[in-house]
PDB file of N, CA and C in Angstrom:
ATOM      1  N   UNK A   1    -117.133 -27.973 -17.206  1.00  0.00           N
ATOM      2  CA  UNK A   1    -117.476 -27.673 -16.195  1.00  0.00           C
ATOM      3  C   UNK A   1    -118.401 -26.298 -16.384  1.00  0.00           C
ATOM      4  N   UNK A   2    -117.412 -25.050 -16.860  1.00  0.00           N
ATOM      5  CA  UNK A   2    -117.902 -23.797 -16.825  1.00  0.00           C
ATOM      6  C   UNK A   2    -118.953 -23.834 -17.358  1.00  0.00           C
ATOM      7  N   UNK A   3    -119.095 -24.447 -18.740  1.00  0.00           N
ATOM      8  CA  UNK A   3    -119.985 -23.986 -19.828  1.00  0.00           C
ATOM      9  C   UNK A   3    -121.581 -24.625 -19.193  1.00  0.00           C
ATOM     10  N   UNK A   4    -121.528 -25.600 -18.101  1.00  0.00           N
ATOM     11  CA  UNK A   4    -123.081 -25.966 -17.211  1.00  0.00           C
ATOM     12  C   UNK A   4    -123.296 -25.320 -16.278  1.00  0.00           C
ATOM     13  N   UNK A   5    -122.105 -24.623 -15.683  1.00  0.00           N
ATOM     14  CA  UNK A   5    -122.485 -23.244 -14.641  1.00  0.00           C
ATOM     15  C   UNK A   5    -123.335 -22.251 -15.833  1.00  0.00           C
ATOM     16  N   UNK A   6    -122.355 -21.478 -16.464  1.00  0.00           N
ATOM     17  CA  UNK A   6    -123.081 -20.831 -17.565  1.00  0.00           C
ATOM     18  C   UNK A   6    -124.738 -21.107 -17.862  1.00  0.00           C
ATOM     19  N   UNK A   7    -124.705 -22.278 -18.490  1.00  0.00           N
ATOM     20  CA  UNK A   7    -126.651 -22.721 -18.572  1.00  0.00           C
ATOM     21  C   UNK A   7    -127.004 -22.739 -17.420  1.00  0.00           C
ATOM     22  N   UNK A   8    -126.992 -23.562 -16.036  1.00  0.00           N
ATOM     23  CA  UNK A   8    -127.615 -23.556 -14.888  1.00  0.00           C
ATOM     24  C   UNK A   8    -127.615 -22.106 -14.330  1.00  0.00           C
ATOM     25  N   UNK A   9    -127.266 -20.684 -14.233  1.00  0.00           N
ATOM     26  CA  UNK A   9    -127.738 -19.859 -14.122  1.00  0.00           C
ATOM     27  C   UNK A   9    -128.943 -18.972 -13.735  1.00  0.00           C
ATOM     28  N   UNK A  10    -129.718 -19.629 -13.084  1.00  0.00           N
ATOM     29  CA  UNK A  10    -131.481 -19.035 -12.864  1.00  0.00           C
ATOM     30  C   UNK A  10    -131.963 -19.865 -12.841  1.00  0.00           C
ATOM     31  N   UNK A  11    -132.260 -21.147 -12.732  1.00  0.00           N
ATOM     32  CA  UNK A  11    -132.825 -22.281 -13.260  1.00  0.00           C
ATOM     33  C   UNK A  11    -133.241 -22.252 -11.789  1.00  0.00           C
ATOM     34  N   UNK A  12    -135.297 -23.109 -11.767  1.00  0.00           N
ATOM     35  CA  UNK A  12    -135.167 -23.701 -10.634  1.00  0.00           C
ATOM     36  C   UNK A  12    -134.653 -24.833 -10.543  1.00  0.00           C
ATOM     37  N   UNK A  13    -134.582 -25.915  -9.300  1.00  0.00           N
ATOM     38  CA  UNK A  13    -133.936 -27.200  -9.487  1.00  0.00           C
ATOM     39  C   UNK A  13    -134.542 -27.743  -9.592  1.00  0.00           C
ATOM     40  N   UNK A  14    -135.624 -27.634 -10.217  1.00  0.00           N
ATOM     41  CA  UNK A  14    -136.295 -29.010 -10.493  1.00  0.00           C
ATOM     42  C   UNK A  14    -135.975 -29.028 -12.113  1.00  0.00           C
ATOM     43  N   UNK A  15    -135.935 -30.470 -12.763  1.00  0.00           N
ATOM     44  CA  UNK A  15    -135.419 -31.188 -14.350  1.00  0.00           C
ATOM     45  C   UNK A  15    -134.176 -29.760 -14.565  1.00  0.00           C
ATOM     46  N   UNK A  16    -132.695 -29.389 -13.604  1.00  0.00           N
ATOM     47  CA  UNK A  16    -132.342 -28.919 -14.396  1.00  0.00           C
ATOM     48  C   UNK A  16    -131.527 -29.068 -15.364  1.00  0.00           C
ATOM     49  N   UNK A  17    -131.066 -30.534 -15.091  1.00  0.00           N
ATOM     50  CA  UNK A  17    -130.508 -31.249 -16.568  1.00  0.00           C
ATOM     51  C   UNK A  17    -131.307 -31.190 -17.428  1.00  0.00           C
ATOM     52  N   UNK A  18    -132.583 -31.257 -17.892  1.00  0.00           N
ATOM     53  CA  UNK A  18    -133.400 -30.803 -18.702  1.00  0.00           C
ATOM     54  C   UNK A  18    -133.143 -29.591 -19.521  1.00  0.00           C
ATOM     55  N   UNK A  19    -133.627 -28.494 -18.448  1.00  0.00           N
ATOM     56  CA  UNK A  19    -133.327 -26.501 -18.994  1.00  0.00           C
ATOM     57  C   UNK A  19    -131.835 -26.709 -19.423  1.00  0.00           C
ATOM     58  N   UNK A  20    -131.195 -27.196 -18.701  1.00  0.00           N
ATOM     59  CA  UNK A  20    -130.062 -26.996 -19.335  1.00  0.00           C
ATOM     60  C   UNK A  20    -129.590 -26.960 -20.654  1.00  0.00           C
ATOM     61  N   UNK A  21    -129.591 -28.516 -20.604  1.00  0.00           N
ATOM     62  CA  UNK A  21    -129.481 -29.270 -21.885  1.00  0.00           C
ATOM     63  C   UNK A  21    -130.359 -28.763 -23.430  1.00  0.00           C
ATOM     64  N   UNK A  22    -131.651 -27.950 -22.541  1.00  0.00           N
ATOM     65  CA  UNK A  22    -132.248 -27.310 -23.330  1.00  0.00           C
ATOM     66  C   UNK A  22    -131.754 -25.797 -24.261  1.00  0.00           C
ATOM     67  N   UNK A  23    -131.317 -25.397 -22.845  1.00  0.00           N
ATOM     68  CA  UNK A  23    -130.727 -24.041 -23.107  1.00  0.00           C
ATOM     69  C   UNK A  23    -129.605 -23.921 -24.105  1.00  0.00           C
ATOM     70  N   UNK A  24    -128.922 -24.897 -24.060  1.00  0.00           N
ATOM     71  CA  UNK A  24    -127.443 -25.246 -24.166  1.00  0.00           C
ATOM     72  C   UNK A  24    -127.805 -25.774 -25.836  1.00  0.00           C
ATOM     73  N   UNK A  25    -129.110 -26.296 -25.720  1.00  0.00           N
ATOM     74  CA  UNK A  25    -129.165 -26.702 -27.763  1.00  0.00           C
ATOM     75  C   UNK A  25    -129.668 -25.549 -28.645  1.00  0.00           C
ATOM     76  N   UNK A  26    -130.596 -24.554 -27.639  1.00  0.00           N
ATOM     77  CA  UNK A  26    -130.730 -23.644 -28.592  1.00  0.00           C
ATOM     78  C   UNK A  26    -130.351 -22.379 -28.581  1.00  0.00           C
ATOM     79  N   UNK A  27    -128.558 -22.552 -27.959  1.00  0.00           N
ATOM     80  CA  UNK A  27    -127.339 -21.713 -28.325  1.00  0.00           C
ATOM     81  C   UNK A  27    -126.861 -22.522 -29.049  1.00  0.00           C
ATOM     82  N   UNK A  28    -126.949 -23.445 -29.992  1.00  0.00           N
ATOM     83  CA  UNK A  28    -126.174 -24.369 -30.845  1.00  0.00           C
ATOM     84  C   UNK A  28    -125.075 -24.833 -30.996  1.00  0.00           C
ATOM     85  N   UNK A  29    -125.144 -25.153 -29.102  1.00  0.00           N
ATOM     86  CA  UNK A  29    -124.156 -26.137 -29.093  1.00  0.00           C
ATOM     87  C   UNK A  29    -124.885 -28.218 -29.272  1.00  0.00           C
ATOM     88  N   UNK A  30    -123.111 -28.688 -30.016  1.00  0.00           N
ATOM     89  CA  UNK A  30    -124.079 -30.118 -30.328  1.00  0.00           C
ATOM     90  C   UNK A  30    -124.603 -30.971 -29.426  1.00  0.00           C
ATOM     91  N   UNK A  31    -125.262 -32.222 -29.704  1.00  0.00           N
ATOM     92  CA  UNK A  31    -125.718 -33.092 -29.080  1.00  0.00           C
ATOM     93  C   UNK A  31    -124.271 -33.716 -27.938  1.00  0.00           C
ATOM     94  N   UNK A  32    -123.248 -33.714 -29.043  1.00  0.00           N
ATOM     95  CA  UNK A  32    -121.895 -34.422 -28.482  1.00  0.00           C
ATOM     96  C   UNK A  32    -121.967 -33.587 -27.387  1.00  0.00           C
ATOM     97  N   UNK A  33    -121.984 -31.712 -27.677  1.00  0.00           N
ATOM     98  CA  UNK A  33    -121.477 -31.345 -26.702  1.00  0.00           C
ATOM     99  C   UNK A  33    -121.926 -31.127 -25.626  1.00  0.00           C
ATOM    100  N   UNK A  34    -123.459 -31.316 -25.465  1.00  0.00           N
ATOM    101  CA  UNK A  34    -124.506 -31.139 -24.601  1.00  0.00           C
ATOM    102  C   UNK A  34    -124.261 -32.329 -23.348  1.00  0.00           C
ATOM    103  N   UNK A  35    -124.430 -33.693 -24.350  1.00  0.00           N
ATOM    104  CA  UNK A  35    -123.927 -34.220 -23.698  1.00  0.00           C
ATOM    105  C   UNK A  35    -123.001 -34.716 -22.420  1.00  0.00           C
ATOM    106  N   UNK A  36    -121.319 -34.058 -23.129  1.00  0.00           N
ATOM    107  CA  UNK A  36    -120.481 -34.069 -22.646  1.00  0.00           C
ATOM    108  C   UNK A  36    -120.769 -33.176 -21.307  1.00  0.00           C
ATOM    109  N   UNK A  37    -121.039 -31.974 -21.069  1.00  0.00           N
ATOM    110  CA  UNK A  37    -121.401 -31.233 -20.249  1.00  0.00           C
ATOM    111  C   UNK A  37    -121.738 -31.304 -19.455  1.00  0.00           C
ATOM    112  N   UNK A  38    -123.543 -32.310 -19.140  1.00  0.00           N
ATOM    113  CA  UNK A  38    -123.891 -33.475 -19.024  1.00  0.00           C
ATOM    114  C   UNK A  38    -123.124 -33.843 -17.765  1.00  0.00           C
ATOM    115  N   UNK A  39    -122.423 -35.347 -18.515  1.00  0.00           N
ATOM    116  CA  UNK A  39    -121.618 -35.634 -18.116  1.00  0.00           C
ATOM    117  C   UNK A  39    -119.887 -35.247 -17.145  1.00  0.00           C
ATOM    118  N   UNK A  40    -120.005 -33.821 -16.982  1.00  0.00           N
ATOM    119  CA  UNK A  40    -119.329 -33.207 -16.260  1.00  0.00           C
ATOM    120  C   UNK A  40    -120.131 -32.264 -15.303  1.00  0.00           C
ATOM    121  N   UNK A  41    -121.012 -32.214 -15.474  1.00  0.00           N
ATOM    122  CA  UNK A  41    -121.497 -30.475 -14.355  1.00  0.00           C
ATOM    123  C   UNK A  41    -123.242 -31.533 -13.626  1.00  0.00           C
ATOM    124  N   UNK A  42    -123.667 -32.206 -14.181  1.00  0.00           N
ATOM    125  CA  UNK A  42    -125.065 -32.565 -13.565  1.00  0.00           C
ATOM    126  C   UNK A  42    -124.590 -33.717 -12.598  1.00  0.00           C
ATOM    127  N   UNK A  43    -125.383 -33.422 -11.300  1.00  0.00           N
ATOM    128  CA  UNK A  43    -125.275 -34.242 -10.165  1.00  0.00           C
ATOM    129  C   UNK A  43    -126.182 -35.268 -10.340  1.00  0.00           C
ATOM    130  N   UNK A  44    -127.006 -35.007 -10.912  1.00  0.00           N
ATOM    131  CA  UNK A  44    -127.626 -36.603 -11.519  1.00  0.00           C
ATOM    132  C   UNK A  44    -127.110 -37.408 -11.982  1.00  0.00           C
ATOM    133  N   UNK A  45    -125.702 -36.976 -13.269  1.00  0.00           N
ATOM    134  CA  UNK A  45    -125.189 -38.033 -13.923  1.00  0.00           C
ATOM    135  C   UNK A  45    -124.508 -38.804 -12.789  1.00  0.00           C
ATOM    136  N   UNK A  46    -123.870 -37.541 -12.009  1.00  0.00           N
ATOM    137  CA  UNK A  46    -122.635 -38.506 -11.318  1.00  0.00           C
ATOM    138  C   UNK A  46    -123.033 -39.054 -10.138  1.00  0.00           C
ATOM    139  N   UNK A  47    -124.164 -39.131  -9.570  1.00  0.00           N
ATOM    140  CA  UNK A  47    -125.040 -40.340  -8.884  1.00  0.00           C
ATOM    141  C   UNK A  47    -125.252 -41.417  -9.825  1.00  0.00           C
ATOM    142  N   UNK A  48    -125.926 -41.076 -10.636  1.00  0.00           N
ATOM    143  CA  UNK A  48    -125.731 -42.735 -11.364  1.00  0.00           C
ATOM    144  C   UNK A  48    -124.602 -43.221 -11.902  1.00  0.00           C
ATOM    145  N   UNK A  49    -123.299 -42.339 -11.763  1.00  0.00           N
ATOM    146  CA  UNK A  49    -122.511 -42.876 -12.282  1.00  0.00           C
ATOM    147  C   UNK A  49    -121.728 -43.569 -11.134  1.00  0.00           C
ATOM    148  N   UNK A  50    -121.879 -43.153  -9.873  1.00  0.00           N
ATOM    149  CA  UNK A  50    -121.631 -43.852  -8.832  1.00  0.00           C
ATOM    150  C   UNK A  50    -121.886 -45.023  -8.363  1.00  0.00           C
ATOM    151  N   UNK A  51    -123.299 -45.005  -8.633  1.00  0.00           N
ATOM    152  CA  UNK A  51    -124.656 -45.983  -8.248  1.00  0.00           C
ATOM    153  C   UNK A  51    -124.553 -47.392  -9.140  1.00  0.00           C
ATOM    154  N   UNK A  52    -124.536 -46.750 -10.552  1.00  0.00           N
ATOM    155  CA  UNK A  52    -125.044 -48.012 -11.264  1.00  0.00           C
ATOM    156  C   UNK A  52    -123.399 -47.481 -12.729  1.00  0.00           C
ATOM    157  N   UNK A  53    -122.712 -46.827 -12.431  1.00  0.00           N
ATOM    158  CA  UNK A  53    -121.672 -47.626 -13.544  1.00  0.00           C
ATOM    159  C   UNK A  53    -121.657 -46.271 -14.718  1.00  0.00           C
ATOM    160  N   UNK A  54    -120.362 -46.279 -15.223  1.00  0.00           N
ATOM    161  CA  UNK A  54    -120.392 -44.685 -16.452  1.00  0.00           C
ATOM    162  C   UNK A  54    -121.014 -45.244 -17.516  1.00  0.00           C
ATOM    163  N   UNK A  55    -121.812 -46.958 -17.465  1.00  0.00           N
ATOM    164  CA  UNK A  55    -122.361 -46.840 -19.116  1.00  0.00           C
ATOM    165  C   UNK A  55    -123.663 -46.009 -18.975  1.00  0.00           C
ATOM    166  N   UNK A  56    -124.317 -46.367 -18.053  1.00  0.00           N
ATOM    167  CA  UNK A  56    -125.887 -46.047 -16.973  1.00  0.00           C
ATOM    168  C   UNK A  56    -125.970 -44.702 -17.410  1.00  0.00           C
ATOM    169  N   UNK A  57    -124.606 -43.631 -16.636  1.00  0.00           N
ATOM    170  CA  UNK A  57    -124.863 -42.553 -16.578  1.00  0.00           C
ATOM    171  C   UNK A  57    -124.498 -41.440 -18.087  1.00  0.00           C
ATOM    172  N   UNK A  58    -123.915 -41.938 -18.903  1.00  0.00           N
ATOM    173  CA  UNK A  58    -123.751 -41.641 -20.443  1.00  0.00           C
ATOM    174  C   UNK A  58    -124.988 -41.286 -21.219  1.00  0.00           C
ATOM    175  N   UNK A  59    -125.794 -43.199 -20.790  1.00  0.00           N
ATOM    176  CA  UNK A  59    -126.592 -43.272 -21.225  1.00  0.00           C
ATOM    177  C   UNK A  59    -128.226 -42.092 -21.320  1.00  0.00           C
ATOM    178  N   UNK A  60    -127.800 -42.432 -19.534  1.00  0.00           N
ATOM    179  CA  UNK A  60    -129.136 -40.635 -19.505  1.00  0.00           C
ATOM    180  C   UNK A  60    -128.831 -39.751 -19.746  1.00  0.00           C
ATOM    181  N   UNK A  61    -127.188 -39.089 -20.251  1.00  0.00           N
ATOM    182  CA  UNK A  61    -127.483 -37.548 -20.102  1.00  0.00           C
ATOM    183  C   UNK A  61    -128.022 -37.469 -21.330  1.00  0.00           C
ATOM    184  N   UNK A  62    -127.004 -38.851 -22.718  1.00  0.00           N
ATOM    185  CA  UNK A  62    -127.924 -38.929 -23.579  1.00  0.00           C
ATOM    186  C   UNK A  62    -129.450 -38.887 -23.681  1.00  0.00           C
ATOM    187  N   UNK A  63    -130.083 -39.274 -23.009  1.00  0.00           N
ATOM    188  CA  UNK A  63    -131.142 -39.596 -23.001  1.00  0.00           C
ATOM    189  C   UNK A  63    -132.168 -38.064 -23.175  1.00  0.00           C
ATOM    190  N   UNK A  64    -130.961 -37.295 -21.720  1.00  0.00           N
ATOM    191  CA  UNK A  64    -131.247 -36.085 -21.212  1.00  0.00           C
ATOM    192  C   UNK A  64    -131.926 -35.032 -22.765  1.00  0.00           C
ATOM    193  N   UNK A  65    -130.579 -35.414 -23.667  1.00  0.00           N
ATOM    194  CA  UNK A  65    -130.298 -34.641 -24.899  1.00  0.00           C
ATOM    195  C   UNK A  65    -131.289 -34.912 -25.762  1.00  0.00           C
ATOM    196  N   UNK A  66    -131.972 -36.113 -25.616  1.00  0.00           N
ATOM    197  CA  UNK A  66    -132.492 -36.779 -27.413  1.00  0.00           C
ATOM    198  C   UNK A  66    -134.640 -35.942 -26.769  1.00  0.00           C
ATOM    199  N   UNK A  67    -134.815 -36.088 -25.238  1.00  0.00           N
ATOM    200  CA  UNK A  67    -135.623 -35.167 -24.659  1.00  0.00           C
ATOM    201  C   UNK A  67    -135.428 -33.749 -25.223  1.00  0.00           C
ATOM    202  N   UNK A  68    -134.642 -32.574 -24.639  1.00  0.00           N
ATOM    203  CA  UNK A  68    -134.189 -32.088 -24.968  1.00  0.00           C
ATOM    204  C   UNK A  68    -133.919 -31.272 -26.382  1.00  0.00           C
ATOM    205  N   UNK A  69    -133.750 -32.093 -27.195  1.00  0.00           N
ATOM    206  CA  UNK A  69    -134.213 -31.293 -29.135  1.00  0.00           C
ATOM    207  C   UNK A  69    -134.976 -30.743 -29.199  1.00  0.00           C
ATOM    208  N   UNK A  70    -135.112 -29.928 -29.568  1.00  0.00           N
ATOM    209  CA  UNK A  70    -136.432 -29.483 -30.206  1.00  0.00           C
ATOM    210  C   UNK A  70    -137.341 -29.763 -31.294  1.00  0.00           C
ATOM    211  N   UNK A  71    -136.239 -31.383 -32.194  1.00  0.00           N
ATOM    212  CA  UNK A  71    -137.084 -32.396 -32.895  1.00  0.00           C
ATOM    213  C   UNK A  71    -137.994 -33.167 -31.883  1.00  0.00           C
ATOM    214  N   UNK A  72    -137.461 -33.779 -30.899  1.00  0.00           N
ATOM    215  CA  UNK A  72    -137.894 -35.048 -30.394  1.00  0.00           C
ATOM    216  C   UNK A  72    -139.537 -34.887 -30.600  1.00  0.00           C
ATOM    217  N   UNK A  73    -140.237 -33.437 -29.631  1.00  0.00           N
ATOM    218  CA  UNK A  73    -141.217 -33.040 -29.494  1.00  0.00           C
ATOM    219  C   UNK A  73    -142.741 -33.665 -30.694  1.00  0.00           C
ATOM    220  N   UNK A  74    -141.786 -33.099 -31.704  1.00  0.00           N
ATOM    221  CA  UNK A  74    -142.291 -32.864 -33.755  1.00  0.00           C
ATOM    222  C   UNK A  74    -142.727 -34.456 -34.112  1.00  0.00           C
ATOM    223  N   UNK A  75    -141.155 -35.219 -33.151  1.00  0.00           N
ATOM    224  CA  UNK A  75    -141.034 -36.265 -33.911  1.00  0.00           C
ATOM    225  C   UNK A  75    -142.337 -37.633 -33.129  1.00  0.00           C
ATOM    226  N   UNK A  76    -142.456 -37.102 -31.734  1.00  0.00           N
ATOM    227  CA  UNK A  76    -143.475 -38.067 -31.604  1.00  0.00           C
ATOM    228  C   UNK A  76    -144.670 -37.678 -32.489  1.00  0.00           C
ATOM    229  N   UNK A  77    -145.098 -36.337 -32.087  1.00  0.00           N
ATOM    230  CA  UNK A  77    -146.237 -36.187 -32.799  1.00  0.00           C
ATOM    231  C   UNK A  77    -146.311 -36.846 -34.072  1.00  0.00           C
ATOM    232  N   UNK A  78    -145.649 -36.687 -34.897  1.00  0.00           N
ATOM    233  CA  UNK A  78    -145.668 -37.115 -36.377  1.00  0.00           C
ATOM    234  C   UNK A  78    -145.621 -38.196 -36.271  1.00  0.00           C
ATOM    235  N   UNK A  79    -145.274 -39.308 -35.592  1.00  0.00           N
ATOM    236  CA  UNK A  79    -145.475 -41.072 -35.019  1.00  0.00           C
ATOM    237  C   UNK A  79    -147.023 -41.062 -34.685  1.00  0.00           C
ATOM    238  N   UNK A  80    -147.247 -40.428 -34.199  1.00  0.00           N
ATOM    239  CA  UNK A  80    -148.880 -40.798 -33.723  1.00  0.00           C
ATOM    240  C   UNK A  80    -149.662 -40.039 -34.894  1.00  0.00           C
ATOM    241  N   UNK A  81    -149.679 -39.035 -35.662  1.00  0.00           N
ATOM    242  CA  UNK A  81    -150.321 -38.941 -36.525  1.00  0.00           C
ATOM    243  C   UNK A  81    -149.985 -39.523 -37.887  1.00  0.00           C
ATOM    244  N   UNK A  82    -148.824 -40.637 -37.916  1.00  0.00           N
ATOM    245  CA  UNK A  82    -148.690 -41.470 -39.046  1.00  0.00           C
ATOM    246  C   UNK A  82    -149.577 -42.827 -38.747  1.00  0.00           C
ATOM    247  N   UNK A  83    -149.500 -42.886 -37.581  1.00  0.00           N
ATOM    248  CA  UNK A  83    -150.578 -44.228 -37.233  1.00  0.00           C
ATOM    249  C   UNK A  83    -151.953 -44.066 -36.769  1.00  0.00           C
ATOM    250  N   UNK A  84    -152.411 -42.515 -37.429  1.00  0.00           N
ATOM    251  CA  UNK A  84    -154.168 -42.511 -37.553  1.00  0.00           C
ATOM    252  C   UNK A  84    -154.553 -42.061 -35.760  1.00  0.00           C
ATOM    253  N   UNK A  85    -153.623 -41.947 -34.711  1.00  0.00           N
ATOM    254  CA  UNK A  85    -153.558 -41.974 -33.121  1.00  0.00           C
ATOM    255  C   UNK A  85    -154.297 -40.200 -33.282  1.00  0.00           C
ATOM    256  N   UNK A  86    -155.076 -40.638 -32.058  1.00  0.00           N
ATOM    257  CA  UNK A  86    -155.703 -38.509 -31.647  1.00  0.00           C
ATOM    258  C   UNK A  86    -155.739 -38.414 -30.482  1.00  0.00           C
ATOM    259  N   UNK A  87    -155.522 -37.841 -29.983  1.00  0.00           N
ATOM    260  CA  UNK A  87    -155.621 -37.130 -28.157  1.00  0.00           C
ATOM    261  C   UNK A  87    -157.096 -37.865 -27.648  1.00  0.00           C
ATOM    262  N   UNK A  88    -157.020 -38.850 -26.944  1.00  0.00           N
ATOM    263  CA  UNK A  88    -158.202 -39.522 -26.327  1.00  0.00           C
ATOM    264  C   UNK A  88    -158.592 -41.227 -26.913  1.00  0.00           C
ATOM    265  N   UNK A  89    -157.564 -41.281 -28.338  1.00  0.00           N
ATOM    266  CA  UNK A  89    -158.275 -42.593 -28.503  1.00  0.00           C
ATOM    267  C   UNK A  89    -157.331 -43.621 -27.815  1.00  0.00           C
TER     268      UNK A  89
END
């Protein structure tokens, strides 16, 4: 929870989970650490847990970590180029 508060400082209210995860990953936290941090600190994850259950909440946190990963966007670009796709196709 303290880690969540540390990475939350100074962020706007929109897409907090993603921004917090990006900051933590940039600082060298592992994907597992960031996922656990989101589970402990994210209001969104807590709401998902309350409404849909533990499995869905963890899946959401893992998804946020995947999207926040610096490798995520480069892998999408690589996939599009490997299929010969260009912007506008």
